[in-house]
Amino acid sequence: MVPVFNERDNLAPLYSELTGVLDSLGRSWELLFVDDGSTDQSDRVLRELKAKDERVRALRLARNFGQTAALACGLRHARGDLVITLDADGENDPADIPSLLNTIDQGYDLVVGWRVERWRNAYFSRKLPSLAANFLISSITGLKLHDYGCTLKAYRRPLAEQLRLYGEMHRFVPFIALEVGARIAELPVNFRPRRAGHSKYGLSRVIRTLLDLITVMFLSGYSTRPIQVFGTIGVVLAVLGGLWTAMLVFEKVVLGFSLAQRPALLLAVLLLVVGVQFISLGLLGEMLTRIYYESQDKPTYVVKEEF
């Protein structure tokens, strides 16, 4: 499965490489492209590929929804027992697909590519920030991987159907998979410079990724118990505000200090009010959580096996 956004000049070479590798596997296969609202006539190239090869399928989204949405669309519409995803820009090497399949056949649910040689010639500008980002994500999520951002992955179909991806969460697929009990392996893969076009990554994506990391961690740990996050914050703020307010009242009533020109009273009361608001927010979150799960009869657990 290949998400596509303005990769017109890369599609035909990628198709040739993919068909050569896939034909050599001795397995049945289909090639699914998801055009994420391209404006460079990528869809025309995909129609030409479909016309000459019935094993090619293409889905064209109504507009550019982003890589995560395109990936989610492809995973939902893929029909094979195993799903391989890779980028359309040629940076992922189709020659690594047999190794991915061999690894997943060992009993894994997800095999993640690790682009060992990526940014070798741009250590300080690209590789070092990438290493730092992957270290940060690994440290926070507890899943130690070298390359969270590699699109080249192999999925078992049941796992692909379980994943629900939003925002920029495609890079957190391994952690999301871990949360539903998937067995995960990491495999070193080749990295090649893009053939044509330009990279879609920038500083804005880094910011969105950090925000999505916070979202993923909250959803994984507290989506069914939001009161433990907001309630804890609220109690701490309310206690601090209450103690500070009591101290100021004591100074006024007992010691006779004036509070007229002191902003401390306003800050203390503000802490108390904000604390109560956080507790209220946690209670509302608990109510919404119950409505969400009960209205859809959605379980709060995942059964891995019955025997």
Protein backbone atom coordinates (compact mmCIF):
# COMPACT_ATOMS: atom_id res chain seq x y z
CA MET A 1 0.00 0.00 0.00
CA VAL A 2 1.46 3.32 -1.11
CA PRO A 3 0.20 6.76 0.06
CA VAL A 4 0.74 9.33 -2.68
CA PHE A 5 0.87 13.11 -2.65
CA ASN A 6 2.29 14.92 -5.68
CA GLU A 7 4.67 12.11 -6.71
CA ARG A 8 3.85 11.96 -10.44
CA ASP A 9 7.41 11.39 -11.64
CA ASN A 10 8.12 8.70 -9.03
CA LEU A 11 5.11 6.45 -9.60
CA ALA A 12 6.07 4.63 -12.79
CA PRO A 13 9.62 3.73 -11.61
CA LEU A 14 8.23 2.61 -8.26
CA TYR A 15 5.61 0.45 -9.99
CA SER A 16 8.30 -1.24 -12.08
CA GLU A 17 10.41 -2.00 -9.01
CA LEU A 18 7.48 -3.24 -6.97
CA THR A 19 6.11 -5.57 -9.64
CA GLY A 20 9.56 -7.07 -10.17
CA VAL A 21 9.96 -7.82 -6.46
CA LEU A 22 6.38 -8.97 -5.87
CA ASP A 23 6.35 -11.30 -8.88
CA SER A 24 9.45 -13.02 -7.50
CA LEU A 25 7.77 -13.86 -4.19
CA GLY A 26 5.53 -16.61 -5.50
CA ARG A 27 2.55 -15.12 -3.66
CA SER A 28 -0.64 -13.49 -4.87
CA TRP A 29 -0.59 -9.72 -4.44
CA GLU A 30 -2.25 -6.43 -5.24
CA LEU A 31 -0.77 -2.95 -5.37
CA LEU A 32 -2.92 -0.28 -3.72
CA PHE A 33 -2.18 3.42 -4.18
CA VAL A 34 -3.97 6.09 -2.10
CA ASP A 35 -3.82 9.47 -3.84
CA ASP A 36 -4.06 12.05 -1.05
CA GLY A 37 -5.46 14.92 -3.13
CA SER A 38 -2.46 15.31 -5.47
CA THR A 39 -2.46 18.37 -7.74
CA ASP A 40 0.33 17.31 -10.13
CA GLN A 41 -1.67 14.77 -12.18
CA SER A 42 -0.49 11.83 -10.13
CA ASP A 43 -3.98 10.41 -10.61
CA ARG A 44 -3.45 10.33 -14.38
CA VAL A 45 -0.34 8.19 -13.94
CA LEU A 46 -2.23 5.89 -11.58
CA ARG A 47 -5.02 5.47 -14.15
CA GLU A 48 -2.43 4.50 -16.75
CA LEU A 49 -0.90 1.92 -14.40
CA LYS A 50 -4.35 0.52 -13.62
CA ALA A 51 -5.17 0.27 -17.34
CA LYS A 52 -2.19 -1.98 -18.03
CA ASP A 53 -2.22 -4.04 -14.83
CA GLU A 54 -5.39 -5.28 -13.13
CA ARG A 55 -3.46 -5.98 -9.94
CA VAL A 56 -3.18 -2.20 -9.42
CA ARG A 57 -5.88 -0.47 -7.38
CA ALA A 58 -6.10 3.26 -6.66
CA LEU A 59 -8.16 5.32 -4.25
CA ARG A 60 -8.31 9.08 -4.73
CA LEU A 61 -9.21 11.16 -1.68
CA ALA A 62 -11.41 14.23 -2.11
CA ARG A 63 -8.63 16.55 -0.93
CA ASN A 64 -5.30 16.46 0.85
CA PHE A 65 -6.05 14.98 4.28
CA GLY A 66 -2.45 14.20 5.26
CA GLN A 67 -0.27 11.12 5.38
CA THR A 68 -1.96 9.62 8.42
CA ALA A 69 -5.40 9.76 6.79
CA ALA A 70 -4.05 8.28 3.55
CA LEU A 71 -2.36 5.49 5.48
CA ALA A 72 -5.51 4.77 7.49
CA CYS A 73 -7.54 4.67 4.27
CA GLY A 74 -5.13 2.23 2.67
CA LEU A 75 -5.00 -0.08 5.69
CA ARG A 76 -8.79 -0.19 5.81
CA HIS A 77 -9.20 -0.95 2.09
CA ALA A 78 -6.32 -3.41 1.70
CA ARG A 79 -7.54 -6.94 1.02
CA GLY A 80 -4.49 -9.13 1.64
CA ASP A 81 -3.65 -11.20 4.70
CA LEU A 82 -0.41 -9.21 4.94
CA VAL A 83 -0.08 -5.50 4.20
CA ILE A 84 3.18 -3.77 3.25
CA THR A 85 3.28 0.03 3.35
CA LEU A 86 5.96 2.22 1.80
CA ASP A 87 6.44 5.80 0.58
CA ALA A 88 5.93 6.81 -3.04
CA ASP A 89 9.08 8.93 -3.27
CA GLY A 90 11.45 6.02 -3.84
CA GLU A 91 13.30 6.40 -0.54
CA ASN A 92 12.02 3.00 0.62
CA ASP A 93 13.57 0.12 -1.29
CA PRO A 94 11.10 -2.53 -2.55
CA ALA A 95 13.97 -5.04 -2.41
CA ASP A 96 13.48 -5.08 1.39
CA ILE A 97 9.95 -6.51 1.09
CA PRO A 98 11.04 -10.19 1.10
CA SER A 99 12.96 -9.61 4.35
CA LEU A 100 9.92 -7.97 5.92
CA LEU A 101 7.74 -10.92 4.91
CA ASN A 102 10.25 -13.45 6.19
CA THR A 103 10.36 -11.66 9.54
CA ILE A 104 6.60 -11.35 9.94
CA ASP A 105 6.25 -15.05 9.04
CA GLN A 106 8.17 -15.77 12.24
CA GLY A 107 5.03 -14.89 14.20
CA TYR A 108 5.17 -11.10 14.46
CA ASP A 109 2.14 -8.86 13.91
CA LEU A 110 4.12 -5.81 12.81
CA VAL A 111 7.60 -5.41 11.35
CA VAL A 112 9.02 -1.87 11.38
CA GLY A 113 11.74 -0.68 9.00
CA TRP A 114 14.86 0.99 10.38
CA ARG A 115 16.60 3.27 7.86
CA VAL A 116 20.13 2.83 9.19
CA GLU A 117 21.86 5.03 6.61
CA ARG A 118 19.33 7.87 6.57
CA TRP A 119 20.78 11.40 6.69
CA ARG A 120 24.33 10.05 6.67
CA ASN A 121 25.54 13.18 4.83
CA ALA A 122 23.55 15.63 6.95
CA TYR A 123 24.39 14.56 10.49
CA PHE A 124 23.87 17.82 12.38
CA SER A 125 21.01 19.27 10.32
CA ARG A 126 18.86 16.13 9.89
CA LYS A 127 20.28 12.95 11.46
CA LEU A 128 20.94 14.33 14.94
CA PRO A 129 17.41 15.83 15.29
CA SER A 130 16.00 12.52 14.01
CA LEU A 131 17.99 10.53 16.57
CA ALA A 132 16.84 12.89 19.32
CA ALA A 133 13.19 12.60 18.27
CA ASN A 134 13.28 8.80 18.14
CA PHE A 135 15.04 8.67 21.51
CA LEU A 136 12.40 10.99 23.01
CA ILE A 137 9.49 8.95 21.62
CA SER A 138 11.09 5.68 22.74
CA SER A 139 11.71 7.04 26.23
CA ILE A 140 8.18 8.35 26.65
CA THR A 141 6.32 5.40 25.12
CA GLY A 142 8.61 2.70 26.54
CA LEU A 143 8.87 0.99 23.12
CA LYS A 144 12.53 1.10 22.09
CA LEU A 145 12.79 1.57 18.32
CA HIS A 146 15.42 3.33 16.23
CA ASP A 147 13.12 4.73 13.52
CA TYR A 148 9.52 5.57 14.33
CA GLY A 149 9.07 7.57 11.12
CA CYS A 150 9.79 4.84 8.55
CA THR A 151 6.72 4.13 6.42
CA LEU A 152 8.13 0.78 5.27
CA LYS A 153 6.28 -1.68 7.51
CA ALA A 154 4.60 -5.07 7.29
CA TYR A 155 1.27 -5.67 9.04
CA ARG A 156 -0.91 -8.67 9.61
CA ARG A 157 -4.42 -7.90 8.44
CA PRO A 158 -6.14 -8.22 11.86
CA LEU A 159 -3.78 -5.59 13.26
CA ALA A 160 -4.24 -3.30 10.24
CA GLU A 161 -8.01 -3.43 10.78
CA GLN A 162 -7.69 -2.54 14.47
CA LEU A 163 -5.61 0.61 14.06
CA ARG A 164 -7.39 3.94 14.33
CA LEU A 165 -5.14 6.79 13.20
CA TYR A 166 -5.68 10.55 13.41
CA GLY A 167 -3.62 13.73 13.16
CA GLU A 168 0.05 12.86 12.59
CA MET A 169 -0.21 9.54 14.41
CA HIS A 170 1.18 7.41 11.58
CA ARG A 171 4.62 7.68 13.19
CA PHE A 172 3.20 6.24 16.42
CA VAL A 173 1.79 3.12 14.76
CA PRO A 174 4.25 0.81 16.61
CA PHE A 175 3.20 2.14 20.00
CA ILE A 176 -0.51 2.04 19.11
CA ALA A 177 -0.01 -1.55 17.92
CA LEU A 178 1.76 -2.40 21.18
CA GLU A 179 -1.25 -1.13 23.10
CA VAL A 180 -3.48 -3.77 21.46
CA GLY A 181 -1.01 -6.55 22.21
CA ALA A 182 0.85 -6.81 18.89
CA ARG A 183 4.23 -8.54 18.63
CA ILE A 184 6.65 -6.08 17.03
CA ALA A 185 10.02 -6.51 15.35
CA GLU A 186 12.41 -3.94 13.87
CA LEU A 187 14.39 -4.70 10.73
CA PRO A 188 17.25 -2.65 9.18
CA VAL A 189 16.25 -1.53 5.67
CA ASN A 190 17.87 0.34 2.82
CA PHE A 191 17.48 4.09 2.38
CA ARG A 192 17.76 5.87 -0.96
CA PRO A 193 17.57 9.55 -1.95
CA ARG A 194 14.25 10.57 -3.44
CA ARG A 195 14.20 10.38 -7.24
CA ALA A 196 12.18 13.50 -7.99
CA GLY A 197 10.08 16.17 -6.31
CA HIS A 198 10.72 17.59 -2.87
CA SER A 199 10.24 16.54 0.73
CA LYS A 200 6.92 17.32 2.45
CA TYR A 201 8.50 17.58 5.92
CA GLY A 202 9.09 20.84 7.77
CA LEU A 203 9.18 22.51 11.18
CA SER A 204 5.38 22.62 11.40
CA ARG A 205 5.27 18.82 11.23
CA VAL A 206 7.70 18.58 14.15
CA ILE A 207 5.34 20.68 16.28
CA ARG A 208 2.32 18.61 15.23
CA THR A 209 4.21 15.42 16.02
CA LEU A 210 5.00 16.61 19.56
CA LEU A 211 1.35 17.47 20.15
CA ASP A 212 0.25 14.09 18.81
CA LEU A 213 2.76 12.37 21.09
CA ILE A 214 1.00 13.98 24.05
CA THR A 215 -2.35 12.86 22.64
CA VAL A 216 -1.18 9.27 22.10
CA MET A 217 0.19 9.01 25.63
CA PHE A 218 -3.02 10.39 27.13
CA LEU A 219 -5.27 8.13 25.06
CA SER A 220 -3.18 5.06 25.77
CA GLY A 221 -3.00 5.56 29.52
CA TYR A 222 -5.99 7.63 30.55
CA SER A 223 -8.66 7.55 27.84
CA THR A 224 -10.90 5.47 30.13
CA ARG A 225 -9.99 7.35 33.32
CA PRO A 226 -9.53 11.08 32.56
CA ILE A 227 -10.37 12.02 36.14
CA GLN A 228 -6.97 10.66 37.21
CA VAL A 229 -5.20 13.26 35.04
CA PHE A 230 -7.42 16.31 35.40
CA GLY A 231 -8.49 15.41 38.93
CA THR A 232 -4.90 15.10 40.15
CA ILE A 233 -3.96 18.46 38.66
CA GLY A 234 -7.13 19.99 40.07
CA VAL A 235 -6.60 18.65 43.58
CA VAL A 236 -2.99 19.88 43.67
CA LEU A 237 -3.96 23.37 42.48
CA ALA A 238 -7.00 23.54 44.76
CA VAL A 239 -4.99 22.47 47.82
CA LEU A 240 -2.25 25.00 47.08
CA GLY A 241 -4.81 27.73 46.47
CA GLY A 242 -6.77 26.82 49.60
CA LEU A 243 -3.68 26.79 51.84
CA TRP A 244 -2.43 30.05 50.38
CA THR A 245 -5.83 31.67 50.84
CA ALA A 246 -6.07 30.42 54.43
CA MET A 247 -2.61 31.81 55.18
CA LEU A 248 -3.55 35.21 53.79
CA VAL A 249 -6.81 35.26 55.75
CA PHE A 250 -4.84 34.40 58.89
CA GLU A 251 -2.46 37.29 58.23
CA LYS A 252 -5.40 39.64 57.76
CA VAL A 253 -7.57 38.54 60.68
CA VAL A 254 -4.96 37.61 63.29
CA LEU A 255 -1.89 39.65 62.39
CA GLY A 256 -3.70 42.63 60.94
CA PHE A 257 -1.81 42.75 57.64
CA SER A 258 -3.44 44.65 54.82
CA LEU A 259 -4.34 42.74 51.62
CA ALA A 260 -5.44 45.76 49.62
CA GLN A 261 -2.26 46.17 47.57
CA ARG A 262 -1.20 42.53 47.44
CA PRO A 263 -1.84 40.45 44.31
CA ALA A 264 -1.16 37.29 46.31
CA LEU A 265 -4.83 37.03 47.31
CA LEU A 266 -5.95 37.12 43.68
CA LEU A 267 -3.39 34.47 42.73
CA ALA A 268 -4.40 32.22 45.62
CA VAL A 269 -8.09 32.47 44.76
CA LEU A 270 -7.25 31.88 41.08
CA LEU A 271 -5.39 28.67 41.97
CA LEU A 272 -8.37 27.50 43.99
CA VAL A 273 -10.86 28.25 41.19
CA VAL A 274 -8.70 26.68 38.48
CA GLY A 275 -8.25 23.60 40.65
CA VAL A 276 -12.01 23.20 40.98
CA GLN A 277 -12.36 23.66 37.21
CA PHE A 278 -9.82 20.90 36.51
CA ILE A 279 -11.69 18.52 38.81
CA SER A 280 -14.94 19.42 37.06
CA LEU A 281 -13.25 18.83 33.68
CA GLY A 282 -12.15 15.39 34.85
CA LEU A 283 -15.70 14.52 35.92
CA LEU A 284 -17.05 15.67 32.56
CA GLY A 285 -14.39 13.55 30.87
CA GLU A 286 -15.51 10.51 32.88
CA MET A 287 -19.11 11.08 31.78
CA LEU A 288 -18.11 11.47 28.13
CA THR A 289 -15.95 8.34 28.33
CA ARG A 290 -18.88 6.29 29.57
CA ILE A 291 -21.17 7.71 26.88
CA TYR A 292 -18.56 6.94 24.20
CA TYR A 293 -17.98 3.33 25.21
CA GLU A 294 -21.53 2.42 26.21
CA SER A 295 -23.27 4.02 23.20
CA GLN A 296 -21.08 2.00 20.81
CA ASP A 297 -20.92 -1.10 23.01
CA LYS A 298 -17.16 -0.63 22.69
CA PRO A 299 -15.06 -2.75 25.07
CA THR A 300 -12.29 -1.21 27.13
CA TYR A 301 -10.07 -4.24 26.53
CA VAL A 302 -8.64 -6.34 23.70
CA VAL A 303 -8.93 -10.14 23.66
CA LYS A 304 -5.82 -11.65 22.07
CA GLU A 305 -6.81 -15.32 22.13
CA GLU A 306 -9.60 -17.66 23.21
CA PHE A 307 -8.90 -21.32 23.90
